C-alpha cells in the first residue's frame, strides 16, 4: 500500500467520522468537531481498514491530519517489511 493510499484511507475515515467533505494537512480533528468518542470511532475504523493499532493517547498527541497519517504510515512500515 502506497503512502497516498494510506493518506486517502485516513482522509476518508476522517471525513466519514466528522461528517465533513474535506480534509487537508492542517485539519485538526478536535477543532473540526471531533470529540473523544469520535476519536475512538476514528481509530477503530482506521484499524479495521489498515490493520494498524493506535492508542487514544496518540490521537491526542497527533490531532492534526498530517501527524496522525504519519503515525499510521510508520506503524505500517514494519508490517510491510515482514511479509
Protein backbone atom coordinates (compact mmCIF):
# COMPACT_ATOMS: atom_id res chain seq x y z
CA UNK A 1 0.00 0.00 0.00
CA UNK A 2 1.44 3.36 -1.00
CA UNK A 3 1.61 6.39 1.26
CA UNK A 4 -1.01 8.00 -0.99
CA UNK A 5 -3.33 5.03 -0.39
CA UNK A 6 -2.81 5.30 3.36
CA UNK A 7 -3.45 9.04 3.28
CA UNK A 8 -6.60 8.57 1.20
CA UNK A 9 -7.91 5.90 3.58
CA UNK A 10 -7.23 8.02 6.67
CA UNK A 11 -8.86 11.02 4.96
CA UNK A 12 -11.96 9.00 4.04
CA UNK A 13 -12.37 7.76 7.61
CA UNK A 14 -11.75 11.27 8.98
CA UNK A 15 -14.43 12.74 6.72
CA UNK A 16 -16.88 9.95 7.50
CA UNK A 17 -16.49 10.19 11.27
CA UNK A 18 -16.56 14.00 11.35
CA UNK A 19 -19.22 14.22 8.63
CA UNK A 20 -17.17 16.67 6.61
CA UNK A 21 -16.47 16.70 2.91
CA UNK A 22 -12.85 17.73 3.02
CA UNK A 23 -9.66 17.32 4.98
CA UNK A 24 -6.21 18.80 4.39
CA UNK A 25 -2.82 18.57 6.02
CA UNK A 26 -3.59 21.23 8.59
CA UNK A 27 -7.02 19.89 9.57
CA UNK A 28 -7.31 19.39 13.32
CA UNK A 29 -9.54 16.53 14.48
CA UNK A 30 -10.93 18.19 17.58
CA UNK A 31 -11.17 21.66 16.03
CA UNK A 32 -13.11 20.09 13.15
CA UNK A 33 -15.78 18.97 15.61
CA UNK A 34 -14.42 15.67 16.86
CA UNK A 35 -14.62 14.62 20.48
CA UNK A 36 -13.13 11.71 22.41
CA UNK A 37 -15.87 9.30 21.30
CA UNK A 38 -15.32 10.33 17.68
CA UNK A 39 -11.59 9.72 18.20
CA UNK A 40 -12.26 6.18 19.42
CA UNK A 41 -14.51 5.53 16.42
CA UNK A 42 -11.92 7.03 14.06
CA UNK A 43 -9.12 4.89 15.48
CA UNK A 44 -11.23 1.73 15.30
CA UNK A 45 -12.17 2.37 11.67
CA UNK A 46 -8.58 3.12 10.72
CA UNK A 47 -7.59 -0.11 12.46
CA UNK A 48 -10.27 -2.05 10.58
CA UNK A 49 -9.26 -0.56 7.21
CA UNK A 50 -5.48 -0.71 7.56
CA UNK A 51 -4.86 -3.34 10.25
CA UNK A 52 -2.87 -0.91 12.39
CA UNK A 53 -3.30 -0.32 16.11
CA UNK A 54 -3.30 3.20 17.53
CA UNK A 55 -3.99 4.31 21.07
CA UNK A 56 -6.32 7.11 22.07
CA UNK A 57 -3.29 8.89 23.53
CA UNK A 58 -1.77 9.05 20.05
CA UNK A 59 -4.86 10.81 18.77
CA UNK A 60 -4.46 13.48 21.44
CA UNK A 61 -0.72 13.76 20.76
CA UNK A 62 -1.22 13.90 16.98
CA UNK A 63 -4.62 15.54 16.40
CA UNK A 64 -3.81 17.02 13.00
CA UNK A 65 -4.31 15.06 9.80
CA UNK A 66 -0.68 15.11 8.69
CA UNK A 67 0.67 13.89 12.04
CA UNK A 68 -1.80 11.06 12.60
CA UNK A 69 -1.35 9.91 9.00
CA UNK A 70 2.43 9.83 9.55
CA UNK A 71 1.94 7.71 12.66
CA UNK A 72 -0.23 5.27 10.70
CA UNK A 73 2.37 5.07 7.93
CA UNK A 74 5.15 4.41 10.45
CA UNK A 75 3.13 1.59 12.00
CA UNK A 76 2.54 0.02 8.59
CA UNK A 77 6.19 0.18 7.53
CA UNK A 78 7.43 -2.70 9.77
CA UNK A 79 4.47 -4.85 8.71
CA UNK A 80 5.23 -4.25 5.04
CA UNK A 81 8.85 -5.28 5.53
CA UNK A 82 7.99 -8.52 7.30
CA UNK A 83 5.91 -10.06 4.51
